[in-house]
Amino acid sequence: MTKVYFVRHAEPNYNNRDDMQRELSAKGMADRELVTQFLSDKNIEIVLSSPYKRAIDTVAHFADNKGLNIEIVDDFRERKVDSIWIEDFTSFSKAQWADFDYKLSDGESLNEVQSRNIYALKKVLEKYKDKNIAIGSHGTALSTIINYYDNSFGYEGFEKIRTVMPWIVEFTFQNDKCISINILIYI
């Protein structure tokens, strides 16, 4: 069996609007300790991450403590909303969850995000079969992965975790078949 612990990043600095380089806030940096404590007894052998700084930094403390390298997987990146900052994120999110093909002119639909993330996950499951894996991730990207395996997880589920950072979801796979999802709201 393969265990995958998707780790949604800790609290970012929202004053930095550069999605790729947005760093963790002071609280986010401190909360990385919670991630390290949670993962410390999970026999993690592989650490992967989205290329976004906040996701990398959230799992870096754990990886450093265990002497593990972080492998960057570009397809685990977060959804691109648009080229401009969206002030009314709630309305935008509701529209996307209501229609998985909805997107702004320079953004991605949830279908696109889900397809990209599931493709990356399937490659990881093939490459690291029967390993315990931690993956630095994002709220929307992770929510679409949960939705892929459990389509009852929709906007309401996303809304519940929207401000939960960090957040860890444990997936158990037999080969490439998901046999359980354990949503850990608080770590």
Protein backbone atom coordinates (compact mmCIF):
# COMPACT_ATOMS: atom_id res chain seq x y z
CA MET A 1 0.00 0.00 0.00
CA THR A 2 1.03 3.56 -0.69
CA LYS A 3 0.23 6.35 1.76
CA VAL A 4 0.16 9.89 0.46
CA TYR A 5 -0.05 12.81 2.87
CA PHE A 6 -1.06 15.93 0.97
CA VAL A 7 -0.04 18.95 3.03
CA ARG A 8 -1.84 22.16 2.24
CA HIS A 9 0.58 25.01 2.87
CA ALA A 10 0.63 27.02 6.08
CA GLU A 11 -0.61 30.62 6.20
CA PRO A 12 0.93 32.73 3.42
CA ASN A 13 1.74 36.41 3.34
CA TYR A 14 -1.25 37.74 1.39
CA ASN A 15 0.48 41.10 0.92
CA ASN A 16 2.64 39.37 -1.67
CA ARG A 17 0.43 38.89 -4.72
CA ASP A 18 3.01 36.93 -6.71
CA ASP A 19 1.43 33.49 -6.58
CA MET A 20 4.66 31.62 -7.33
CA GLN A 21 6.85 33.49 -4.82
CA ARG A 22 4.30 34.15 -2.03
CA GLU A 23 6.12 33.27 1.16
CA LEU A 24 4.69 32.10 4.47
CA SER A 25 3.63 34.62 7.09
CA ALA A 26 5.30 34.59 10.53
CA LYS A 27 2.40 32.40 11.75
CA GLY A 28 2.87 30.11 8.74
CA MET A 29 6.57 29.71 9.48
CA ALA A 30 5.76 28.77 13.08
CA ASP A 31 3.00 26.37 12.00
CA ARG A 32 5.48 24.36 9.92
CA GLU A 33 6.39 22.79 13.27
CA LEU A 34 2.87 21.29 13.40
CA VAL A 35 3.46 19.65 10.04
CA THR A 36 6.82 18.28 11.17
CA GLN A 37 5.30 16.93 14.40
CA PHE A 38 2.41 15.28 12.55
CA LEU A 39 4.56 13.65 9.87
CA SER A 40 7.40 12.63 12.18
CA ASP A 41 6.03 9.14 12.94
CA LYS A 42 4.53 8.40 9.51
CA ASN A 43 7.67 6.78 8.05
CA ILE A 44 7.78 9.24 5.17
CA GLU A 45 10.33 8.19 2.56
CA ILE A 46 9.64 10.73 -0.21
CA VAL A 47 8.85 14.45 -0.05
CA LEU A 48 7.41 16.18 -3.10
CA SER A 49 5.99 19.64 -3.56
CA SER A 50 4.29 22.08 -5.83
CA PRO A 51 6.84 24.58 -7.17
CA TYR A 52 5.20 27.43 -5.21
CA LYS A 53 7.34 28.82 -2.38
CA ARG A 54 4.64 28.56 0.31
CA ALA A 55 4.11 24.85 -0.41
CA ILE A 56 7.84 24.08 -0.47
CA ASP A 57 8.48 26.04 2.72
CA THR A 58 5.67 24.22 4.55
CA VAL A 59 7.25 20.77 4.03
CA ALA A 60 10.89 21.95 4.08
CA HIS A 61 11.21 21.93 7.87
CA PHE A 62 10.11 18.28 7.98
CA ALA A 63 12.30 17.29 5.03
CA ASP A 64 15.34 19.01 6.54
CA ASN A 65 14.79 17.28 9.89
CA LYS A 66 14.59 13.87 8.19
CA GLY A 67 17.45 14.51 5.75
CA LEU A 68 15.13 14.15 2.75
CA ASN A 69 15.29 16.10 -0.48
CA ILE A 70 12.18 17.81 -1.85
CA GLU A 71 11.33 16.83 -5.41
CA ILE A 72 9.41 19.56 -7.23
CA VAL A 73 6.44 18.40 -9.31
CA ASP A 74 5.19 21.28 -11.43
CA ASP A 75 1.77 19.71 -12.04
CA PHE A 76 0.96 19.85 -8.30
CA ARG A 77 0.85 23.65 -8.50
CA GLU A 78 -2.24 25.59 -7.48
CA ARG A 79 -4.96 26.70 -9.85
CA LYS A 80 -4.22 29.84 -11.82
CA VAL A 81 -7.11 32.19 -11.12
CA ASP A 82 -6.20 34.95 -13.60
CA SER A 83 -3.40 37.41 -14.32
CA ILE A 84 -4.99 39.92 -11.97
CA TRP A 85 -5.86 39.70 -8.26
CA ILE A 86 -9.49 38.65 -7.62
CA GLU A 87 -11.12 40.70 -4.85
CA ASP A 88 -14.37 38.66 -4.65
CA PHE A 89 -12.84 35.22 -4.24
CA THR A 90 -16.00 33.72 -2.72
CA SER A 91 -18.18 34.42 -5.77
CA PHE A 92 -15.42 33.23 -8.07
CA SER A 93 -15.00 29.97 -6.10
CA LYS A 94 -18.75 29.31 -6.04
CA ALA A 95 -18.90 29.77 -9.82
CA GLN A 96 -16.02 27.35 -10.34
CA TRP A 97 -17.44 24.65 -8.07
CA ALA A 98 -20.87 25.03 -9.73
CA ASP A 99 -19.31 24.62 -13.20
CA PHE A 100 -15.99 22.76 -13.31
CA ASP A 101 -15.31 24.27 -16.75
CA TYR A 102 -15.75 27.90 -15.59
CA LYS A 103 -12.62 30.03 -15.71
CA LEU A 104 -11.52 33.59 -16.20
CA SER A 105 -9.81 34.66 -19.41
CA ASP A 106 -6.28 33.91 -18.23
CA GLY A 107 -7.04 31.26 -15.63
CA GLU A 108 -7.69 27.54 -15.23
CA SER A 109 -10.94 25.68 -14.71
CA LEU A 110 -11.27 23.17 -11.89
CA ASN A 111 -11.42 20.44 -14.54
CA GLU A 112 -8.01 21.53 -15.80
CA VAL A 113 -6.56 21.72 -12.28
CA GLN A 114 -7.99 18.33 -11.35
CA SER A 115 -6.75 16.66 -14.53
CA ARG A 116 -3.25 18.07 -14.08
CA ASN A 117 -3.04 17.07 -10.41
CA ILE A 118 -4.46 13.58 -10.94
CA TYR A 119 -2.06 12.98 -13.83
CA ALA A 120 0.84 13.95 -11.54
CA LEU A 121 -0.49 11.81 -8.70
CA LYS A 122 -0.81 8.74 -10.92
CA LYS A 123 2.80 9.15 -12.03
CA VAL A 124 3.88 9.44 -8.39
CA LEU A 125 1.91 6.31 -7.45
CA GLU A 126 3.63 4.39 -10.23
CA LYS A 127 7.10 5.69 -9.42
CA TYR A 128 6.86 5.36 -5.62
CA LYS A 129 4.62 2.32 -5.20
CA ASP A 130 4.31 1.11 -1.59
CA LYS A 131 6.10 4.15 -0.15
CA ASN A 132 4.92 6.78 2.34
CA ILE A 133 4.93 10.16 0.65
CA ALA A 134 4.38 13.78 1.76
CA ILE A 135 3.36 16.32 -0.88
CA GLY A 136 3.33 20.10 -0.39
CA SER A 137 0.07 21.28 -1.91
CA HIS A 138 -2.67 23.93 -2.01
CA GLY A 139 -6.29 24.26 -0.94
CA THR A 140 -8.01 24.25 -4.33
CA ALA A 141 -5.64 21.75 -5.95
CA LEU A 142 -6.03 19.35 -3.03
CA SER A 143 -9.80 19.83 -2.96
CA THR A 144 -10.05 18.81 -6.63
CA ILE A 145 -8.04 15.67 -5.88
CA ILE A 146 -10.42 14.75 -3.06
CA ASN A 147 -13.35 15.48 -5.41
CA TYR A 148 -11.89 13.14 -8.05
CA TYR A 149 -12.02 10.20 -5.63
CA ASP A 150 -15.13 11.35 -3.72
CA ASN A 151 -17.43 13.56 -5.78
CA SER A 152 -19.51 14.42 -2.69
CA PHE A 153 -16.64 16.77 -1.76
CA GLY A 154 -17.64 20.02 -3.44
CA TYR A 155 -17.93 23.71 -2.66
CA GLU A 156 -19.20 23.10 0.89
CA GLY A 157 -16.17 20.93 1.67
CA PHE A 158 -13.86 23.48 0.08
CA GLU A 159 -15.47 26.32 2.05
CA LYS A 160 -14.91 24.43 5.33
CA ILE A 161 -11.17 24.23 4.73
CA ARG A 162 -10.68 27.53 2.94
CA THR A 163 -8.96 29.13 5.92
CA VAL A 164 -7.45 25.97 7.44
CA MET A 165 -3.69 26.21 6.98
CA PRO A 166 -1.80 23.95 7.24
CA TRP A 167 -4.15 21.08 6.49
CA ILE A 168 -3.28 17.44 5.86
CA VAL A 169 -5.25 14.79 3.98
CA GLU A 170 -4.12 11.16 4.08
CA PHE A 171 -4.82 8.99 1.04
CA THR A 172 -4.23 5.23 1.01
CA PHE A 173 -3.77 3.52 -2.35
CA GLN A 174 -3.57 -0.10 -3.38
CA ASN A 175 -1.61 0.25 -6.63
CA ASP A 176 -3.45 3.20 -8.23
CA LYS A 177 -6.82 2.55 -6.55
CA CYS A 178 -7.73 4.92 -3.72
CA ILE A 179 -9.01 2.81 -0.84
CA SER A 180 -9.35 5.52 1.81
CA ILE A 181 -9.26 9.26 2.34
CA ASN A 182 -8.74 10.58 5.85
CA ILE A 183 -9.43 14.31 6.00
CA LEU A 184 -7.53 15.70 8.96
CA ILE A 185 -8.97 19.15 9.56
CA TYR A 186 -6.68 19.90 12.50
CA ILE A 187 -3.17 18.57 12.72
